[in-house]
PDB file of N, CA and C in Angstrom:
ATOM      1  N   MET A   1      -0.583  -5.590  -0.532  1.00  0.00           N
ATOM      2  CA  MET A   1       0.636  -6.268  -0.774  1.00  0.00           C
ATOM      3  C   MET A   1       1.034  -6.348   0.420  1.00  0.00           C
ATOM      4  N   LYS A   2       1.200  -5.196   1.396  1.00  0.00           N
ATOM      5  CA  LYS A   2       2.124  -5.439   2.872  1.00  0.00           C
ATOM      6  C   LYS A   2       1.526  -6.173   3.811  1.00  0.00           C
ATOM      7  N   ASP A   3       0.144  -6.246   3.694  1.00  0.00           N
ATOM      8  CA  ASP A   3      -0.761  -7.331   4.713  1.00  0.00           C
ATOM      9  C   ASP A   3      -0.535  -8.870   4.405  1.00  0.00           C
ATOM     10  N   MET A   4      -0.283  -9.202   2.869  1.00  0.00           N
ATOM     11  CA  MET A   4       0.410 -10.413   2.656  1.00  0.00           C
ATOM     12  C   MET A   4       1.535 -11.050   3.047  1.00  0.00           C
ATOM     13  N   GLN A   5       2.501 -10.129   3.057  1.00  0.00           N
ATOM     14  CA  GLN A   5       3.994  -9.846   3.399  1.00  0.00           C
ATOM     15  C   GLN A   5       3.724  -9.992   5.436  1.00  0.00           C
ATOM     16  N   ALA A   6       2.648  -9.237   5.659  1.00  0.00           N
ATOM     17  CA  ALA A   6       2.800  -9.230   6.750  1.00  0.00           C
ATOM     18  C   ALA A   6       2.238 -10.933   7.421  1.00  0.00           C
ATOM     19  N   HIS A   7       1.383 -11.216   7.059  1.00  0.00           N
ATOM     20  CA  HIS A   7       0.508 -12.497   7.180  1.00  0.00           C
ATOM     21  C   HIS A   7       1.418 -14.056   6.944  1.00  0.00           C
ATOM     22  N   LEU A   8       2.355 -13.444   5.768  1.00  0.00           N
ATOM     23  CA  LEU A   8       3.626 -14.642   5.325  1.00  0.00           C
ATOM     24  C   LEU A   8       4.198 -14.610   6.297  1.00  0.00           C
ATOM     25  N   GLU A   9       4.662 -13.619   6.668  1.00  0.00           N
ATOM     26  CA  GLU A   9       5.930 -13.783   8.213  1.00  0.00           C
ATOM     27  C   GLU A   9       5.239 -14.404   9.095  1.00  0.00           C
ATOM     28  N   LYS A  10       4.087 -14.190   9.528  1.00  0.00           N
ATOM     29  CA  LYS A  10       3.321 -14.699  10.935  1.00  0.00           C
ATOM     30  C   LYS A  10       3.252 -16.208  10.414  1.00  0.00           C
ATOM     31  N   LEU A  11       2.673 -16.522   9.203  1.00  0.00           N
ATOM     32  CA  LEU A  11       2.793 -18.505   8.576  1.00  0.00           C
ATOM     33  C   LEU A  11       4.109 -18.680   8.994  1.00  0.00           C
ATOM     34  N   GLN A  12       4.867 -18.441   8.319  1.00  0.00           N
ATOM     35  CA  GLN A  12       6.101 -18.439   8.527  1.00  0.00           C
ATOM     36  C   GLN A  12       7.180 -18.812  10.254  1.00  0.00           C
ATOM     37  N   ILE A  13       6.693 -17.971  10.646  1.00  0.00           N
ATOM     38  CA  ILE A  13       7.249 -18.109  12.321  1.00  0.00           C
ATOM     39  C   ILE A  13       6.389 -19.374  12.629  1.00  0.00           C
ATOM     40  N   GLN A  14       4.940 -19.574  12.535  1.00  0.00           N
ATOM     41  CA  GLN A  14       4.154 -20.555  12.963  1.00  0.00           C
ATOM     42  C   GLN A  14       4.737 -21.933  12.754  1.00  0.00           C
ATOM     43  N   LEU A  15       4.889 -21.786  11.373  1.00  0.00           N
ATOM     44  CA  LEU A  15       5.553 -22.852  10.736  1.00  0.00           C
ATOM     45  C   LEU A  15       7.265 -23.671  11.377  1.00  0.00           C
ATOM     46  N   ALA A  16       8.021 -22.452  11.895  1.00  0.00           N
ATOM     47  CA  ALA A  16       9.329 -22.926  12.747  1.00  0.00           C
ATOM     48  C   ALA A  16       8.760 -23.622  13.947  1.00  0.00           C
ATOM     49  N   GLU A  17       7.911 -22.825  14.743  1.00  0.00           N
ATOM     50  CA  GLU A  17       7.804 -23.201  15.905  1.00  0.00           C
ATOM     51  C   GLU A  17       6.714 -24.976  16.108  1.00  0.00           C
ATOM     52  N   CYS A  18       6.271 -25.063  14.803  1.00  0.00           N
ATOM     53  CA  CYS A  18       5.316 -26.296  15.129  1.00  0.00           C
ATOM     54  C   CYS A  18       6.668 -27.521  14.253  1.00  0.00           C
ATOM     55  N   GLU A  19       7.796 -26.679  13.576  1.00  0.00           N
ATOM     56  CA  GLU A  19       8.730 -27.914  13.426  1.00  0.00           C
ATOM     57  C   GLU A  19       9.577 -28.279  14.800  1.00  0.00           C
ATOM     58  N   MET A  20       9.850 -27.238  15.332  1.00  0.00           N
ATOM     59  CA  MET A  20      10.687 -27.040  16.299  1.00  0.00           C
ATOM     60  C   MET A  20      10.188 -27.839  17.840  1.00  0.00           C
ATOM     61  N   ILE A  21       8.408 -27.660  17.846  1.00  0.00           N
ATOM     62  CA  ILE A  21       8.024 -28.421  18.971  1.00  0.00           C
ATOM     63  C   ILE A  21       7.659 -29.957  18.440  1.00  0.00           C
ATOM     64  N   ARG A  22       7.034 -30.475  17.114  1.00  0.00           N
ATOM     65  CA  ARG A  22       7.367 -31.521  16.516  1.00  0.00           C
ATOM     66  C   ARG A  22       8.840 -32.159  16.839  1.00  0.00           C
ATOM     67  N   ASP A  23       9.889 -31.472  16.802  1.00  0.00           N
ATOM     68  CA  ASP A  23      11.107 -32.034  17.248  1.00  0.00           C
ATOM     69  C   ASP A  23      11.701 -32.472  18.294  1.00  0.00           C
ATOM     70  N   LEU A  24      11.229 -31.417  19.198  1.00  0.00           N
ATOM     71  CA  LEU A  24      11.301 -31.770  20.896  1.00  0.00           C
ATOM     72  C   LEU A  24      10.403 -33.044  20.954  1.00  0.00           C
ATOM     73  N   ALA A  25       9.046 -33.297  20.660  1.00  0.00           N
ATOM     74  CA  ALA A  25       8.169 -33.776  21.379  1.00  0.00           C
ATOM     75  C   ALA A  25       8.721 -35.029  21.616  1.00  0.00           C
ATOM     76  N   THR A  26       8.545 -35.385  22.399  1.00  0.00           N
ATOM     77  CA  THR A  26       8.441 -37.438  22.918  1.00  0.00           C
ATOM     78  C   THR A  26       7.501 -38.243  22.933  1.00  0.00           C
ATOM     79  N   ASP A  27       6.176 -37.512  22.265  1.00  0.00           N
ATOM     80  CA  ASP A  27       4.621 -38.054  22.559  1.00  0.00           C
ATOM     81  C   ASP A  27       4.345 -38.543  20.938  1.00  0.00           C
ATOM     82  N   PRO A  28       4.753 -39.621  20.631  1.00  0.00           N
ATOM     83  CA  PRO A  28       4.378 -39.758  19.208  1.00  0.00           C
ATOM     84  C   PRO A  28       2.561 -38.954  18.730  1.00  0.00           C
ATOM     85  N   LYS A  29       1.698 -38.972  19.271  1.00  0.00           N
ATOM     86  CA  LYS A  29       0.774 -38.240  18.942  1.00  0.00           C
ATOM     87  C   LYS A  29       0.976 -36.558  18.692  1.00  0.00           C
ATOM     88  N   LYS A  30       1.799 -36.145  19.449  1.00  0.00           N
ATOM     89  CA  LYS A  30       1.846 -34.788  19.503  1.00  0.00           C
ATOM     90  C   LYS A  30       2.741 -34.338  18.564  1.00  0.00           C
ATOM     91  N   ARG A  31       3.829 -35.677  18.120  1.00  0.00           N
ATOM     92  CA  ARG A  31       4.858 -35.503  17.399  1.00  0.00           C
ATOM     93  C   ARG A  31       4.221 -35.354  15.757  1.00  0.00           C
ATOM     94  N   GLU A  32       2.971 -36.227  15.514  1.00  0.00           N
ATOM     95  CA  GLU A  32       1.911 -36.104  14.294  1.00  0.00           C
ATOM     96  C   GLU A  32       1.341 -35.376  14.036  1.00  0.00           C
ATOM     97  N   LEU A  33       0.539 -34.615  15.370  1.00  0.00           N
ATOM     98  CA  LEU A  33       0.387 -33.394  15.196  1.00  0.00           C
ATOM     99  C   LEU A  33       0.687 -31.869  14.561  1.00  0.00           C
ATOM    100  N   PHE A  34       1.894 -31.813  15.607  1.00  0.00           N
ATOM    101  CA  PHE A  34       2.630 -30.682  14.918  1.00  0.00           C
ATOM    102  C   PHE A  34       3.216 -30.847  13.744  1.00  0.00           C
ATOM    103  N   SER A  35       3.373 -32.256  13.117  1.00  0.00           N
ATOM    104  CA  SER A  35       4.117 -32.475  11.876  1.00  0.00           C
ATOM    105  C   SER A  35       3.009 -31.727  10.896  1.00  0.00           C
ATOM    106  N   LYS A  36       1.863 -32.530  11.290  1.00  0.00           N
ATOM    107  CA  LYS A  36       0.878 -31.940  10.395  1.00  0.00           C
ATOM    108  C   LYS A  36       0.510 -30.530  10.114  1.00  0.00           C
ATOM    109  N   LEU A  37       0.376 -29.969  11.555  1.00  0.00           N
ATOM    110  CA  LEU A  37       0.284 -28.366  11.735  1.00  0.00           C
ATOM    111  C   LEU A  37       1.361 -27.762  10.663  1.00  0.00           C
ATOM    112  N   ALA A  38       2.892 -28.625  10.747  1.00  0.00           N
ATOM    113  CA  ALA A  38       3.317 -27.472   9.844  1.00  0.00           C
ATOM    114  C   ALA A  38       3.120 -27.729   8.642  1.00  0.00           C
ATOM    115  N   GLU A  39       3.346 -28.659   8.149  1.00  0.00           N
ATOM    116  CA  GLU A  39       2.813 -29.146   6.907  1.00  0.00           C
ATOM    117  C   GLU A  39       1.673 -28.172   6.038  1.00  0.00           C
ATOM    118  N   HIS A  40       0.278 -27.806   7.472  1.00  0.00           N
ATOM    119  CA  HIS A  40      -0.256 -26.979   6.706  1.00  0.00           C
ATOM    120  C   HIS A  40      -0.274 -25.182   6.655  1.00  0.00           C
ATOM    121  N   PHE A  41       0.622 -24.934   7.897  1.00  0.00           N
ATOM    122  CA  PHE A  41       1.074 -23.545   7.505  1.00  0.00           C
ATOM    123  C   PHE A  41       1.843 -23.460   6.107  1.00  0.00           C
ATOM    124  N   ARG A  42       3.014 -24.562   6.143  1.00  0.00           N
ATOM    125  CA  ARG A  42       3.750 -24.692   5.089  1.00  0.00           C
ATOM    126  C   ARG A  42       2.859 -24.455   3.752  1.00  0.00           C
ATOM    127  N   ALA A  43       2.101 -25.264   3.487  1.00  0.00           N
ATOM    128  CA  ALA A  43       0.719 -25.125   2.117  1.00  0.00           C
ATOM    129  C   ALA A  43       0.245 -23.522   2.470  1.00  0.00           C
ATOM    130  N   LEU A  44      -0.076 -22.965   3.122  1.00  0.00           N
ATOM    131  CA  LEU A  44      -0.821 -21.744   3.618  1.00  0.00           C
ATOM    132  C   LEU A  44      -0.016 -20.309   2.681  1.00  0.00           C
ATOM    133  N   ALA A  45       1.330 -20.676   3.458  1.00  0.00           N
ATOM    134  CA  ALA A  45       2.344 -19.959   2.917  1.00  0.00           C
ATOM    135  C   ALA A  45       2.883 -19.967   1.391  1.00  0.00           C
ATOM    136  N   GLY A  46       3.027 -21.194   1.305  1.00  0.00           N
ATOM    137  CA  GLY A  46       2.933 -21.233  -0.463  1.00  0.00           C
ATOM    138  C   GLY A  46       2.198 -20.467  -1.236  1.00  0.00           C
ATOM    139  N   GLU A  47       0.816 -20.998  -0.916  1.00  0.00           N
ATOM    140  CA  GLU A  47      -0.232 -19.982  -1.432  1.00  0.00           C
ATOM    141  C   GLU A  47      -0.532 -18.215  -1.311  1.00  0.00           C
ATOM    142  N   ILE A  48       0.189 -18.114  -0.655  1.00  0.00           N
ATOM    143  CA  ILE A  48       0.450 -16.463  -0.470  1.00  0.00           C
ATOM    144  C   ILE A  48       1.359 -16.066  -1.275  1.00  0.00           C
ATOM    145  N   GLU A  49       2.694 -16.582  -1.203  1.00  0.00           N
ATOM    146  CA  GLU A  49       3.459 -16.521  -2.199  1.00  0.00           C
ATOM    147  C   GLU A  49       3.272 -16.743  -3.283  1.00  0.00           C
ATOM    148  N   LYS A  50       2.652 -17.862  -3.724  1.00  0.00           N
ATOM    149  CA  LYS A  50       2.173 -17.613  -5.400  1.00  0.00           C
ATOM    150  C   LYS A  50       1.279 -16.312  -5.669  1.00  0.00           C
ATOM    151  N   ALA A  51      -0.075 -16.319  -4.383  1.00  0.00           N
ATOM    152  CA  ALA A  51      -0.823 -15.378  -5.156  1.00  0.00           C
ATOM    153  C   ALA A  51      -0.099 -13.465  -5.173  1.00  0.00           C
ATOM    154  N   MET A  52       1.092 -13.778  -4.357  1.00  0.00           N
ATOM    155  CA  MET A  52       2.470 -12.586  -4.514  1.00  0.00           C
ATOM    156  C   MET A  52       2.590 -12.198  -5.231  1.00  0.00           C
ATOM    157  N   ALA A  53       3.645 -13.758  -5.989  1.00  0.00           N
ATOM    158  CA  ALA A  53       4.051 -13.869  -7.551  1.00  0.00           C
ATOM    159  C   ALA A  53       3.619 -13.192  -8.538  1.00  0.00           C
ATOM    160  N   GLU A  54       1.994 -13.702  -8.275  1.00  0.00           N
ATOM    161  CA  GLU A  54       1.042 -13.241  -9.365  1.00  0.00           C
ATOM    162  C   GLU A  54       0.640 -11.816  -9.850  1.00  0.00           C
ATOM    163  N   ARG A  55       0.514 -11.253  -8.466  1.00  0.00           N
ATOM    164  CA  ARG A  55      -0.008 -10.003  -8.119  1.00  0.00           C
ATOM    165  C   ARG A  55       1.646  -8.836  -8.706  1.00  0.00           C
ATOM    166  N   MET A  56       3.125  -9.151  -8.748  1.00  0.00           N
ATOM    167  CA  MET A  56       3.844  -8.891  -9.194  1.00  0.00           C
ATOM    168  C   MET A  56       4.080  -9.068 -10.212  1.00  0.00           C
ATOM    169  N   SER A  57       3.767 -10.038 -11.117  1.00  0.00           N
ATOM    170  CA  SER A  57       3.865 -10.026 -12.705  1.00  0.00           C
ATOM    171  C   SER A  57       3.548  -9.503 -13.599  1.00  0.00           C
ATOM    172  N   PRO A  58       4.434  -8.884 -14.591  1.00  0.00           N
ATOM    173  CA  PRO A  58       3.722  -7.893 -15.701  1.00  0.00           C
ATOM    174  C   PRO A  58       2.211  -8.502 -16.642  1.00  0.00           C
ATOM    175  N   THR A  59       1.600  -7.559 -16.920  1.00  0.00           N
ATOM    176  CA  THR A  59       0.753  -7.828 -17.420  1.00  0.00           C
ATOM    177  C   THR A  59       0.151  -7.209 -18.553  1.00  0.00           C
ATOM    178  N   PHE A  60      -0.162  -7.280 -19.768  1.00  0.00           N
ATOM    179  CA  PHE A  60      -0.168  -6.408 -20.510  1.00  0.00           C
ATOM    180  C   PHE A  60      -2.219  -7.590 -21.546  1.00  0.00           C
ATOM    181  N   LEU A  61      -3.156  -5.863 -21.184  1.00  0.00           N
ATOM    182  CA  LEU A  61      -4.361  -6.720 -21.912  1.00  0.00           C
ATOM    183  C   LEU A  61      -5.052  -7.727 -20.922  1.00  0.00           C
ATOM    184  N   GLY A  62      -4.592  -7.829 -19.711  1.00  0.00           N
ATOM    185  CA  GLY A  62      -4.966  -9.219 -18.454  1.00  0.00           C
ATOM    186  C   GLY A  62      -4.438 -10.487 -19.441  1.00  0.00           C
ATOM    187  N   ARG A  63      -3.160 -10.624 -19.776  1.00  0.00           N
ATOM    188  CA  ARG A  63      -2.629 -11.529 -20.209  1.00  0.00           C
ATOM    189  C   ARG A  63      -1.301 -11.125 -19.739  1.00  0.00           C
ATOM    190  N   LYS A  64      -0.663 -12.253 -19.112  1.00  0.00           N
ATOM    191  CA  LYS A  64       1.366 -12.422 -18.849  1.00  0.00           C
ATOM    192  C   LYS A  64       1.895 -12.067 -19.709  1.00  0.00           C
ATOM    193  N   THR A  65       3.221 -11.347 -19.687  1.00  0.00           N
ATOM    194  CA  THR A  65       3.914 -10.618 -21.061  1.00  0.00           C
ATOM    195  C   THR A  65       4.435 -11.989 -21.703  1.00  0.00           C
ATOM    196  N   HIS A  66       5.119 -12.644 -20.279  1.00  0.00           N
ATOM    197  CA  HIS A  66       6.069 -13.820 -21.054  1.00  0.00           C
ATOM    198  C   HIS A  66       5.088 -14.971 -21.730  1.00  0.00           C
ATOM    199  N   GLU A  67       3.554 -14.992 -21.735  1.00  0.00           N
ATOM    200  CA  GLU A  67       2.783 -16.097 -22.370  1.00  0.00           C
ATOM    201  C   GLU A  67       2.936 -15.617 -23.734  1.00  0.00           C
ATOM    202  N   PRO A  68       2.717 -16.865 -24.498  1.00  0.00           N
ATOM    203  CA  PRO A  68       2.776 -16.666 -25.979  1.00  0.00           C
ATOM    204  C   PRO A  68       1.249 -16.301 -26.417  1.00  0.00           C
ATOM    205  N   PHE A  69       1.327 -15.553 -27.422  1.00  0.00           N
ATOM    206  CA  PHE A  69      -0.172 -14.804 -27.817  1.00  0.00           C
ATOM    207  C   PHE A  69      -0.785 -16.691 -28.693  1.00  0.00           C
ATOM    208  N   PRO A  70      -1.869 -16.512 -28.535  1.00  0.00           N
ATOM    209  CA  PRO A  70      -2.516 -17.628 -28.888  1.00  0.00           C
ATOM    210  C   PRO A  70      -2.524 -17.645 -30.426  1.00  0.00           C
ATOM    211  N   SER A  71      -2.461 -18.905 -31.153  1.00  0.00           N
ATOM    212  CA  SER A  71      -2.412 -18.512 -32.907  1.00  0.00           C
ATOM    213  C   SER A  71      -4.000 -18.870 -33.429  1.00  0.00           C
ATOM    214  N   GLU A  72      -3.737 -18.090 -34.523  1.00  0.00           N
ATOM    215  CA  GLU A  72      -5.582 -18.036 -34.833  1.00  0.00           C
ATOM    216  C   GLU A  72      -5.492 -19.568 -35.690  1.00  0.00           C
ATOM    217  N   GLU A  73      -4.672 -20.101 -36.017  1.00  0.00           N
ATOM    218  CA  GLU A  73      -4.490 -21.305 -36.609  1.00  0.00           C
ATOM    219  C   GLU A  73      -5.468 -22.425 -35.993  1.00  0.00           C
ATOM    220  N   GLU A  74      -4.692 -22.023 -34.536  1.00  0.00           N
ATOM    221  CA  GLU A  74      -5.044 -23.480 -33.666  1.00  0.00           C
ATOM    222  C   GLU A  74      -6.691 -23.459 -33.233  1.00  0.00           C
ATOM    223  N   PRO A  75      -7.427 -24.731 -33.416  1.00  0.00           N
ATOM    224  CA  PRO A  75      -8.850 -24.527 -33.242  1.00  0.00           C
ATOM    225  C   PRO A  75      -9.353 -24.644 -32.028  1.00  0.00           C
TER     226      PRO A  75
END
């Protein structure tokens, strides 16, 4: 879990740097490139956050405890 947290922090730094470069860029192509890179890093960070949240959620018999148990009446 520590490695995931460290990777998430690196991605967040890269995201912030891309956004800063994008905002300072005067060339439209560079602005677009760093905007795309920022979106990519944001998506990667979101996936890591999601994976970390799934690891932290309590489970019982392979099911999340807050999920309703399936009814036997449903097909």
